[in-house]
Amino acid sequence: MFDKNEFKRLRQNERLIPEEILEFMNFHGLSHKELSEILGVTIQAVSLWLSNKRKFSVTNTRLLRLFNKYPQLLKEF
């Protein structure tokens, strides 16, 4: 059976902040364009996240956390 605690959902206040997104990009050597292609968004959306003019979604937060845990998945994009 699945352990419910293992699949804890993120709350709205657990979204990544611009500094964490930038840290992810730097760690994985990703440009604005590359991150936009991986997440299926525009380069402008990435710029808005990094300038804190738009909130980063919970879904994208989950994806980046997954990519941090399994960086080999980044090669799929």
PDB file of N, CA and C in Angstrom:
ATOM      1  N   MET A   1       0.841  -1.199   0.000  1.00  0.00           N
ATOM      2  CA  MET A   1       0.000   0.000   0.000  1.00  0.00           C
ATOM      3  C   MET A   1       0.879   1.253   0.000  1.00  0.00           C
ATOM      4  N   PHE A   2       0.261   2.337  -0.405  1.00  0.00           N
ATOM      5  CA  PHE A   2       0.954   3.620  -0.421  1.00  0.00           C
ATOM      6  C   PHE A   2       0.885   4.276   0.941  1.00  0.00           C
ATOM      7  N   ASP A   3       1.977   4.899   1.307  1.00  0.00           N
ATOM      8  CA  ASP A   3       2.021   5.665   2.538  1.00  0.00           C
ATOM      9  C   ASP A   3       1.554   7.083   2.216  1.00  0.00           C
ATOM     10  N   LYS A   4       0.464   7.514   2.832  1.00  0.00           N
ATOM     11  CA  LYS A   4      -0.089   8.846   2.537  1.00  0.00           C
ATOM     12  C   LYS A   4       0.913   9.959   2.815  1.00  0.00           C
ATOM     13  N   ASN A   5       1.763   9.800   3.810  1.00  0.00           N
ATOM     14  CA  ASN A   5       2.738  10.830   4.135  1.00  0.00           C
ATOM     15  C   ASN A   5       3.800  10.971   3.044  1.00  0.00           C
ATOM     16  N   GLU A   6       4.028   9.888   2.318  1.00  0.00           N
ATOM     17  CA  GLU A   6       5.025   9.920   1.245  1.00  0.00           C
ATOM     18  C   GLU A   6       4.568  10.797   0.082  1.00  0.00           C
ATOM     19  N   PHE A   7       3.263  10.955  -0.086  1.00  0.00           N
ATOM     20  CA  PHE A   7       2.708  11.698  -1.209  1.00  0.00           C
ATOM     21  C   PHE A   7       2.042  12.995  -0.755  1.00  0.00           C
ATOM     22  N   LYS A   8       2.668  13.657   0.196  1.00  0.00           N
ATOM     23  CA  LYS A   8       2.142  14.912   0.713  1.00  0.00           C
ATOM     24  C   LYS A   8       2.049  15.953  -0.394  1.00  0.00           C
ATOM     25  N   ARG A   9       0.931  16.585  -0.512  1.00  0.00           N
ATOM     26  CA  ARG A   9       0.734  17.615  -1.529  1.00  0.00           C
ATOM     27  C   ARG A   9       1.379  18.924  -1.091  1.00  0.00           C
ATOM     28  N   LEU A  10       1.851  19.659  -2.089  1.00  0.00           N
ATOM     29  CA  LEU A  10       2.398  20.985  -1.819  1.00  0.00           C
ATOM     30  C   LEU A  10       1.262  21.952  -1.535  1.00  0.00           C
ATOM     31  N   ARG A  11       1.510  22.862  -0.640  1.00  0.00           N
ATOM     32  CA  ARG A  11       0.543  23.920  -0.385  1.00  0.00           C
ATOM     33  C   ARG A  11       0.926  25.140  -1.206  1.00  0.00           C
ATOM     34  N   GLN A  12       0.015  26.057  -1.336  1.00  0.00           N
ATOM     35  CA  GLN A  12       0.245  27.251  -2.150  1.00  0.00           C
ATOM     36  C   GLN A  12       1.491  28.019  -1.696  1.00  0.00           C
ATOM     37  N   ASN A  13       1.775  28.011  -0.409  1.00  0.00           N
ATOM     38  CA  ASN A  13       2.922  28.763   0.092  1.00  0.00           C
ATOM     39  C   ASN A  13       4.233  27.998  -0.069  1.00  0.00           C
ATOM     40  N   GLU A  14       4.207  26.843  -0.701  1.00  0.00           N
ATOM     41  CA  GLU A  14       5.423  26.061  -0.909  1.00  0.00           C
ATOM     42  C   GLU A  14       5.968  26.206  -2.327  1.00  0.00           C
ATOM     43  N   ARG A  15       5.500  27.191  -3.053  1.00  0.00           N
ATOM     44  CA  ARG A  15       6.003  27.439  -4.399  1.00  0.00           C
ATOM     45  C   ARG A  15       7.439  27.929  -4.323  1.00  0.00           C
ATOM     46  N   LEU A  16       8.201  27.638  -5.377  1.00  0.00           N
ATOM     47  CA  LEU A  16       9.575  28.131  -5.425  1.00  0.00           C
ATOM     48  C   LEU A  16       9.584  29.643  -5.594  1.00  0.00           C
ATOM     49  N   ILE A  17      10.558  30.284  -4.992  1.00  0.00           N
ATOM     50  CA  ILE A  17      10.733  31.725  -5.143  1.00  0.00           C
ATOM     51  C   ILE A  17      11.784  31.964  -6.221  1.00  0.00           C
ATOM     52  N   PRO A  18      11.873  33.195  -6.749  1.00  0.00           N
ATOM     53  CA  PRO A  18      12.799  33.462  -7.850  1.00  0.00           C
ATOM     54  C   PRO A  18      14.241  33.009  -7.591  1.00  0.00           C
ATOM     55  N   GLU A  19      14.725  33.190  -6.393  1.00  0.00           N
ATOM     56  CA  GLU A  19      16.102  32.796  -6.084  1.00  0.00           C
ATOM     57  C   GLU A  19      16.288  31.288  -6.222  1.00  0.00           C
ATOM     58  N   GLU A  20      15.272  30.510  -5.839  1.00  0.00           N
ATOM     59  CA  GLU A  20      15.358  29.053  -5.950  1.00  0.00           C
ATOM     60  C   GLU A  20      15.291  28.597  -7.409  1.00  0.00           C
ATOM     61  N   ILE A  21      14.488  29.281  -8.204  1.00  0.00           N
ATOM     62  CA  ILE A  21      14.411  28.962  -9.633  1.00  0.00           C
ATOM     63  C   ILE A  21      15.752  29.248 -10.290  1.00  0.00           C
ATOM     64  N   LEU A  22      16.325  30.396  -9.979  1.00  0.00           N
ATOM     65  CA  LEU A  22      17.632  30.768 -10.537  1.00  0.00           C
ATOM     66  C   LEU A  22      18.717  29.805 -10.074  1.00  0.00           C
ATOM     67  N   GLU A  23      18.672  29.393  -8.834  1.00  0.00           N
ATOM     68  CA  GLU A  23      19.632  28.414  -8.308  1.00  0.00           C
ATOM     69  C   GLU A  23      19.516  27.093  -9.071  1.00  0.00           C
ATOM     70  N   PHE A  24      18.282  26.656  -9.344  1.00  0.00           N
ATOM     71  CA  PHE A  24      18.051  25.440 -10.124  1.00  0.00           C
ATOM     72  C   PHE A  24      18.666  25.593 -11.515  1.00  0.00           C
ATOM     73  N   MET A  25      18.398  26.719 -12.154  1.00  0.00           N
ATOM     74  CA  MET A  25      18.920  26.962 -13.502  1.00  0.00           C
ATOM     75  C   MET A  25      20.445  26.950 -13.513  1.00  0.00           C
ATOM     76  N   ASN A  26      21.054  27.632 -12.561  1.00  0.00           N
ATOM     77  CA  ASN A  26      22.520  27.690 -12.492  1.00  0.00           C
ATOM     78  C   ASN A  26      23.117  26.316 -12.212  1.00  0.00           C
ATOM     79  N   PHE A  27      22.524  25.580 -11.299  1.00  0.00           N
ATOM     80  CA  PHE A  27      23.034  24.259 -10.935  1.00  0.00           C
ATOM     81  C   PHE A  27      23.030  23.312 -12.128  1.00  0.00           C
ATOM     82  N   HIS A  28      21.949  23.392 -12.931  1.00  0.00           N
ATOM     83  CA  HIS A  28      21.808  22.491 -14.073  1.00  0.00           C
ATOM     84  C   HIS A  28      22.307  23.112 -15.379  1.00  0.00           C
ATOM     85  N   GLY A  29      22.834  24.340 -15.298  1.00  0.00           N
ATOM     86  CA  GLY A  29      23.384  24.997 -16.479  1.00  0.00           C
ATOM     87  C   GLY A  29      22.338  25.319 -17.531  1.00  0.00           C
ATOM     88  N   LEU A  30      21.166  25.769 -17.089  1.00  0.00           N
ATOM     89  CA  LEU A  30      20.069  26.056 -18.009  1.00  0.00           C
ATOM     90  C   LEU A  30      19.909  27.550 -18.250  1.00  0.00           C
ATOM     91  N   SER A  31      19.652  27.898 -19.494  1.00  0.00           N
ATOM     92  CA  SER A  31      19.344  29.282 -19.853  1.00  0.00           C
ATOM     93  C   SER A  31      17.845  29.507 -19.693  1.00  0.00           C
ATOM     94  N   HIS A  32      17.428  30.767 -19.834  1.00  0.00           N
ATOM     95  CA  HIS A  32      15.998  31.084 -19.809  1.00  0.00           C
ATOM     96  C   HIS A  32      15.273  30.287 -20.896  1.00  0.00           C
ATOM     97  N   LYS A  33      15.869  30.255 -22.075  1.00  0.00           N
ATOM     98  CA  LYS A  33      15.252  29.562 -23.207  1.00  0.00           C
ATOM     99  C   LYS A  33      15.114  28.067 -22.923  1.00  0.00           C
ATOM    100  N   GLU A  34      16.165  27.456 -22.394  1.00  0.00           N
ATOM    101  CA  GLU A  34      16.120  26.012 -22.112  1.00  0.00           C
ATOM    102  C   GLU A  34      15.060  25.690 -21.065  1.00  0.00           C
ATOM    103  N   LEU A  35      14.988  26.495 -19.995  1.00  0.00           N
ATOM    104  CA  LEU A  35      13.969  26.249 -18.970  1.00  0.00           C
ATOM    105  C   LEU A  35      12.568  26.419 -19.555  1.00  0.00           C
ATOM    106  N   SER A  36      12.402  27.427 -20.400  1.00  0.00           N
ATOM    107  CA  SER A  36      11.084  27.641 -21.008  1.00  0.00           C
ATOM    108  C   SER A  36      10.686  26.453 -21.874  1.00  0.00           C
ATOM    109  N   GLU A  37      11.637  25.883 -22.596  1.00  0.00           N
ATOM    110  CA  GLU A  37      11.338  24.728 -23.444  1.00  0.00           C
ATOM    111  C   GLU A  37      11.001  23.489 -22.606  1.00  0.00           C
ATOM    112  N   ILE A  38      11.717  23.301 -21.517  1.00  0.00           N
ATOM    113  CA  ILE A  38      11.469  22.154 -20.635  1.00  0.00           C
ATOM    114  C   ILE A  38      10.070  22.228 -20.022  1.00  0.00           C
ATOM    115  N   LEU A  39       9.675  23.432 -19.596  1.00  0.00           N
ATOM    116  CA  LEU A  39       8.390  23.590 -18.918  1.00  0.00           C
ATOM    117  C   LEU A  39       7.242  23.907 -19.876  1.00  0.00           C
ATOM    118  N   GLY A  40       7.567  24.144 -21.148  1.00  0.00           N
ATOM    119  CA  GLY A  40       6.527  24.432 -22.125  1.00  0.00           C
ATOM    120  C   GLY A  40       5.885  25.793 -21.959  1.00  0.00           C
ATOM    121  N   VAL A  41       6.717  26.773 -21.617  1.00  0.00           N
ATOM    122  CA  VAL A  41       6.239  28.145 -21.445  1.00  0.00           C
ATOM    123  C   VAL A  41       7.089  29.074 -22.299  1.00  0.00           C
ATOM    124  N   THR A  42       6.745  30.343 -22.309  1.00  0.00           N
ATOM    125  CA  THR A  42       7.522  31.318 -23.062  1.00  0.00           C
ATOM    126  C   THR A  42       8.730  31.783 -22.248  1.00  0.00           C
ATOM    127  N   ILE A  43       9.698  32.343 -22.958  1.00  0.00           N
ATOM    128  CA  ILE A  43      10.863  32.927 -22.277  1.00  0.00           C
ATOM    129  C   ILE A  43      10.403  34.082 -21.397  1.00  0.00           C
ATOM    130  N   GLN A  44       9.386  34.806 -21.845  1.00  0.00           N
ATOM    131  CA  GLN A  44       8.853  35.910 -21.056  1.00  0.00           C
ATOM    132  C   GLN A  44       8.314  35.413 -19.716  1.00  0.00           C
ATOM    133  N   ALA A  45       7.668  34.255 -19.702  1.00  0.00           N
ATOM    134  CA  ALA A  45       7.149  33.700 -18.440  1.00  0.00           C
ATOM    135  C   ALA A  45       8.297  33.450 -17.466  1.00  0.00           C
ATOM    136  N   VAL A  46       9.398  32.892 -17.960  1.00  0.00           N
ATOM    137  CA  VAL A  46      10.569  32.648 -17.102  1.00  0.00           C
ATOM    138  C   VAL A  46      11.080  33.980 -16.548  1.00  0.00           C
ATOM    139  N   SER A  47      11.172  34.983 -17.395  1.00  0.00           N
ATOM    140  CA  SER A  47      11.633  36.312 -16.947  1.00  0.00           C
ATOM    141  C   SER A  47      10.707  36.893 -15.883  1.00  0.00           C
ATOM    142  N   LEU A  48       9.405  36.711 -16.070  1.00  0.00           N
ATOM    143  CA  LEU A  48       8.447  37.212 -15.080  1.00  0.00           C
ATOM    144  C   LEU A  48       8.582  36.489 -13.750  1.00  0.00           C
ATOM    145  N   TRP A  49       8.832  35.182 -13.777  1.00  0.00           N
ATOM    146  CA  TRP A  49       9.054  34.438 -12.528  1.00  0.00           C
ATOM    147  C   TRP A  49      10.298  34.942 -11.819  1.00  0.00           C
ATOM    148  N   LEU A  50      11.374  35.128 -12.600  1.00  0.00           N
ATOM    149  CA  LEU A  50      12.647  35.522 -11.991  1.00  0.00           C
ATOM    150  C   LEU A  50      12.626  36.951 -11.466  1.00  0.00           C
ATOM    151  N   SER A  51      11.767  37.791 -12.019  1.00  0.00           N
ATOM    152  CA  SER A  51      11.644  39.162 -11.531  1.00  0.00           C
ATOM    153  C   SER A  51      10.517  39.286 -10.503  1.00  0.00           C
ATOM    154  N   ASN A  52       9.927  38.155 -10.132  1.00  0.00           N
ATOM    155  CA  ASN A  52       8.867  38.078  -9.121  1.00  0.00           C
ATOM    156  C   ASN A  52       7.617  38.864  -9.514  1.00  0.00           C
ATOM    157  N   LYS A  53       7.377  38.969 -10.820  1.00  0.00           N
ATOM    158  CA  LYS A  53       6.169  39.638 -11.305  1.00  0.00           C
ATOM    159  C   LYS A  53       5.048  38.642 -11.567  1.00  0.00           C
ATOM    160  N   ARG A  54       5.380  37.365 -11.559  1.00  0.00           N
ATOM    161  CA  ARG A  54       4.391  36.298 -11.714  1.00  0.00           C
ATOM    162  C   ARG A  54       4.806  35.167 -10.780  1.00  0.00           C
ATOM    163  N   LYS A  55       3.815  34.564 -10.115  1.00  0.00           N
ATOM    164  CA  LYS A  55       4.126  33.456  -9.210  1.00  0.00           C
ATOM    165  C   LYS A  55       4.399  32.183  -9.996  1.00  0.00           C
ATOM    166  N   PHE A  56       5.328  31.407  -9.488  1.00  0.00           N
ATOM    167  CA  PHE A  56       5.662  30.107 -10.046  1.00  0.00           C
ATOM    168  C   PHE A  56       4.597  29.128  -9.590  1.00  0.00           C
ATOM    169  N   SER A  57       4.073  28.330 -10.498  1.00  0.00           N
ATOM    170  CA  SER A  57       2.965  27.435 -10.142  1.00  0.00           C
ATOM    171  C   SER A  57       3.428  26.266  -9.270  1.00  0.00           C
ATOM    172  N   VAL A  58       2.475  25.695  -8.577  1.00  0.00           N
ATOM    173  CA  VAL A  58       2.738  24.511  -7.761  1.00  0.00           C
ATOM    174  C   VAL A  58       3.164  23.358  -8.677  1.00  0.00           C
ATOM    175  N   THR A  59       2.526  23.245  -9.842  1.00  0.00           N
ATOM    176  CA  THR A  59       2.880  22.179 -10.792  1.00  0.00           C
ATOM    177  C   THR A  59       4.331  22.307 -11.234  1.00  0.00           C
ATOM    178  N   ASN A  60       4.755  23.517 -11.594  1.00  0.00           N
ATOM    179  CA  ASN A  60       6.144  23.712 -12.008  1.00  0.00           C
ATOM    180  C   ASN A  60       7.107  23.496 -10.848  1.00  0.00           C
ATOM    181  N   THR A  61       6.684  23.854  -9.641  1.00  0.00           N
ATOM    182  CA  THR A  61       7.513  23.583  -8.464  1.00  0.00           C
ATOM    183  C   THR A  61       7.735  22.085  -8.319  1.00  0.00           C
ATOM    184  N   ARG A  62       6.680  21.316  -8.486  1.00  0.00           N
ATOM    185  CA  ARG A  62       6.798  19.858  -8.402  1.00  0.00           C
ATOM    186  C   ARG A  62       7.732  19.325  -9.480  1.00  0.00           C
ATOM    187  N   LEU A  63       7.610  19.865 -10.696  1.00  0.00           N
ATOM    188  CA  LEU A  63       8.478  19.405 -11.791  1.00  0.00           C
ATOM    189  C   LEU A  63       9.947  19.682 -11.486  1.00  0.00           C
ATOM    190  N   LEU A  64      10.264  20.894 -11.027  1.00  0.00           N
ATOM    191  CA  LEU A  64      11.670  21.208 -10.743  1.00  0.00           C
ATOM    192  C   LEU A  64      12.206  20.355  -9.602  1.00  0.00           C
ATOM    193  N   ARG A  65      11.385  20.080  -8.620  1.00  0.00           N
ATOM    194  CA  ARG A  65      11.821  19.197  -7.531  1.00  0.00           C
ATOM    195  C   ARG A  65      12.060  17.779  -8.042  1.00  0.00           C
ATOM    196  N   LEU A  66      11.223  17.335  -8.961  1.00  0.00           N
ATOM    197  CA  LEU A  66      11.409  16.024  -9.572  1.00  0.00           C
ATOM    198  C   LEU A  66      12.705  16.002 -10.385  1.00  0.00           C
ATOM    199  N   PHE A  67      12.950  17.057 -11.168  1.00  0.00           N
ATOM    200  CA  PHE A  67      14.185  17.142 -11.955  1.00  0.00           C
ATOM    201  C   PHE A  67      15.425  17.198 -11.060  1.00  0.00           C
ATOM    202  N   ASN A  68      15.309  17.835  -9.905  1.00  0.00           N
ATOM    203  CA  ASN A  68      16.440  17.860  -8.971  1.00  0.00           C
ATOM    204  C   ASN A  68      16.720  16.474  -8.433  1.00  0.00           C
ATOM    205  N   LYS A  69      15.669  15.720  -8.179  1.00  0.00           N
ATOM    206  CA  LYS A  69      15.826  14.369  -7.639  1.00  0.00           C
ATOM    207  C   LYS A  69      16.317  13.401  -8.707  1.00  0.00           C
ATOM    208  N   TYR A  70      15.850  13.595  -9.944  1.00  0.00           N
ATOM    209  CA  TYR A  70      16.218  12.722 -11.065  1.00  0.00           C
ATOM    210  C   TYR A  70      16.720  13.573 -12.238  1.00  0.00           C
ATOM    211  N   PRO A  71      17.921  14.141 -12.130  1.00  0.00           N
ATOM    212  CA  PRO A  71      18.416  15.061 -13.168  1.00  0.00           C
ATOM    213  C   PRO A  71      18.530  14.434 -14.552  1.00  0.00           C
ATOM    214  N   GLN A  72      18.607  13.123 -14.638  1.00  0.00           N
ATOM    215  CA  GLN A  72      18.678  12.466 -15.946  1.00  0.00           C
ATOM    216  C   GLN A  72      17.424  12.738 -16.771  1.00  0.00           C
ATOM    217  N   LEU A  73      16.311  13.076 -16.108  1.00  0.00           N
ATOM    218  CA  LEU A  73      15.075  13.376 -16.835  1.00  0.00           C
ATOM    219  C   LEU A  73      15.204  14.636 -17.677  1.00  0.00           C
ATOM    220  N   LEU A  74      16.083  15.564 -17.282  1.00  0.00           N
ATOM    221  CA  LEU A  74      16.281  16.787 -18.058  1.00  0.00           C
ATOM    222  C   LEU A  74      16.769  16.484 -19.464  1.00  0.00           C
ATOM    223  N   LYS A  75      17.468  15.390 -19.642  1.00  0.00           N
ATOM    224  CA  LYS A  75      17.991  15.026 -20.960  1.00  0.00           C
ATOM    225  C   LYS A  75      16.886  14.598 -21.907  1.00  0.00           C
ATOM    226  N   GLU A  76      15.689  14.334 -21.379  1.00  0.00           N
ATOM    227  CA  GLU A  76      14.563  13.916 -22.200  1.00  0.00           C
ATOM    228  C   GLU A  76      13.945  15.073 -22.969  1.00  0.00           C
ATOM    229  N   PHE A  77      14.310  16.311 -22.597  1.00  0.00           N
ATOM    230  CA  PHE A  77      13.696  17.484 -23.219  1.00  0.00           C
ATOM    231  C   PHE A  77      14.633  18.194 -24.147  1.00  0.00           C
TER     232      PHE A  77
END
